[in-house]
């Protein structure tokens, strides 16, 4: 598939001001997920525990409110950049030397009014 071999970057968000958190060398594309080898960058230590907590909550599958809070913090702390530039929406997991994610080139809209329209 077209994504295999690409290098995506995880960069710092609010706290780390764009520093390199790590790179993902895509080695598997199983729509809608991409996954690959994660190589930590200099800013990874600042978010390592955050990713560990997020993944543990996702795998526990019992308190999605806590997971959403943890993932909101992930989104504040990092950005994801494709070879074509930053992506506005993503769901990213990092565990050891592996990372897997979904992404969208359009922002998600979760602010619906009572008619179901934004």
Protein backbone atom coordinates (compact mmCIF):
# COMPACT_ATOMS: atom_id res chain seq x y z
CA UNK A 1 0.00 0.00 0.00
CA UNK A 2 1.09 3.60 -0.55
CA UNK A 3 1.90 4.39 3.07
CA UNK A 4 4.46 1.65 3.70
CA UNK A 5 7.95 3.12 3.92
CA UNK A 6 6.78 6.61 4.84
CA UNK A 7 8.11 8.35 7.93
CA UNK A 8 5.59 10.22 10.06
CA UNK A 9 6.68 12.52 12.87
CA UNK A 10 5.25 13.01 16.32
CA UNK A 11 6.07 16.50 17.54
CA UNK A 12 5.52 18.33 20.78
CA UNK A 13 2.39 20.37 21.28
CA UNK A 14 1.76 23.01 23.94
CA UNK A 15 4.42 21.92 26.45
CA UNK A 16 7.34 21.01 24.19
CA UNK A 17 6.86 23.61 21.44
CA UNK A 18 7.33 21.43 18.37
CA UNK A 19 10.30 19.38 19.56
CA UNK A 20 10.68 15.94 17.99
CA UNK A 21 8.89 13.35 20.14
CA UNK A 22 9.64 10.57 17.68
CA UNK A 23 9.32 9.14 14.20
CA UNK A 24 7.18 6.29 12.91
CA UNK A 25 8.47 4.28 9.96
CA UNK A 26 5.28 2.80 8.49
CA UNK A 27 5.56 -0.94 7.88
CA UNK A 28 1.89 -1.95 7.88
CA UNK A 29 -1.18 -0.28 6.41
CA UNK A 30 -4.40 -2.02 7.42
CA UNK A 31 -7.08 0.59 6.70
CA UNK A 32 -7.95 2.60 8.67
CA UNK A 33 -4.87 1.91 10.84
CA UNK A 34 -1.23 2.58 10.00
CA UNK A 35 1.51 1.11 12.17
CA UNK A 36 5.26 0.99 12.28
CA UNK A 37 8.52 1.14 14.15
CA UNK A 38 8.66 4.03 16.60
CA UNK A 39 11.99 5.73 17.20
CA UNK A 40 11.90 8.02 20.22
CA UNK A 41 13.16 11.57 19.82
CA UNK A 42 14.55 13.97 22.43
CA UNK A 43 11.10 15.07 23.65
CA UNK A 44 9.64 11.56 24.14
CA UNK A 45 10.53 11.30 27.82
CA UNK A 46 8.18 14.22 28.52
CA UNK A 47 5.18 12.22 27.20
CA UNK A 48 6.22 8.58 27.73
CA UNK A 49 4.06 8.06 30.84
CA UNK A 50 1.12 9.82 29.21
CA UNK A 51 1.12 7.31 26.34
CA UNK A 52 1.50 4.41 28.78
CA UNK A 53 -1.50 5.63 30.80
CA UNK A 54 -3.63 6.22 27.70
CA UNK A 55 -2.94 2.74 26.35
CA UNK A 56 -3.56 1.06 29.73
CA UNK A 57 -6.94 2.80 29.99
CA UNK A 58 -7.86 1.85 26.41
CA UNK A 59 -6.95 -1.80 27.02
CA UNK A 60 -8.83 -1.88 30.34
CA UNK A 61 -12.00 -1.10 28.36
CA UNK A 62 -13.98 -0.18 31.47
CA UNK A 63 -13.86 3.59 31.93
CA UNK A 64 -13.96 5.43 28.63
CA UNK A 65 -14.41 8.79 30.34
CA UNK A 66 -10.99 8.42 31.97
CA UNK A 67 -9.51 7.29 28.65
CA UNK A 68 -10.99 10.32 26.87
CA UNK A 69 -9.46 12.63 29.50
CA UNK A 70 -6.07 10.92 29.07
CA UNK A 71 -6.29 11.10 25.30
CA UNK A 72 -7.29 14.76 25.39
CA UNK A 73 -4.02 15.34 27.22
CA UNK A 74 -2.12 13.36 24.55
CA UNK A 75 -3.66 15.64 21.91
CA UNK A 76 -2.58 18.74 23.85
CA UNK A 77 0.97 17.43 24.20
CA UNK A 78 1.69 16.13 20.67
CA UNK A 79 0.95 16.66 17.01
CA UNK A 80 1.20 14.14 14.18
CA UNK A 81 2.80 15.08 10.87
CA UNK A 82 2.58 13.05 7.67
CA UNK A 83 5.11 13.43 4.87
CA UNK A 84 2.65 15.96 3.40
CA UNK A 85 2.31 18.02 6.59
CA UNK A 86 0.43 18.12 9.90
CA UNK A 87 -2.83 16.17 10.24
CA UNK A 88 -5.67 17.83 12.13
CA UNK A 89 -7.10 14.67 13.75
CA UNK A 90 -5.52 11.43 14.88
CA UNK A 91 -5.73 8.58 17.36
CA UNK A 92 -2.19 7.48 18.24
CA UNK A 93 -0.88 4.72 20.49
CA UNK A 94 2.78 4.15 21.31
CA UNK A 95 4.11 1.08 23.12
CA UNK A 96 7.83 0.41 23.19
CA UNK A 97 9.16 0.45 19.65
CA UNK A 98 5.72 0.21 18.03
CA UNK A 99 3.21 2.91 17.17
CA UNK A 100 -0.17 2.60 15.50
CA UNK A 101 -2.66 5.26 14.56
CA UNK A 102 -5.66 6.42 12.56
CA UNK A 103 -5.82 9.88 11.11
CA UNK A 104 -8.05 12.28 9.22
CA UNK A 105 -7.15 15.22 7.06
CA UNK A 106 -10.39 16.91 8.20
CA UNK A 107 -11.07 18.06 11.76
CA UNK A 108 -13.63 16.02 13.68
CA UNK A 109 -16.68 17.96 14.79
CA UNK A 110 -17.96 16.83 18.18
CA UNK A 111 -19.88 20.01 18.98
CA UNK A 112 -23.39 19.04 17.81
CA UNK A 113 -26.51 20.99 18.67
CA UNK A 114 -29.73 19.24 19.59
CA UNK A 115 -30.70 18.79 15.91
CA UNK A 116 -27.47 16.87 15.27
CA UNK A 117 -25.99 19.74 13.29
CA UNK A 118 -22.81 21.61 14.08
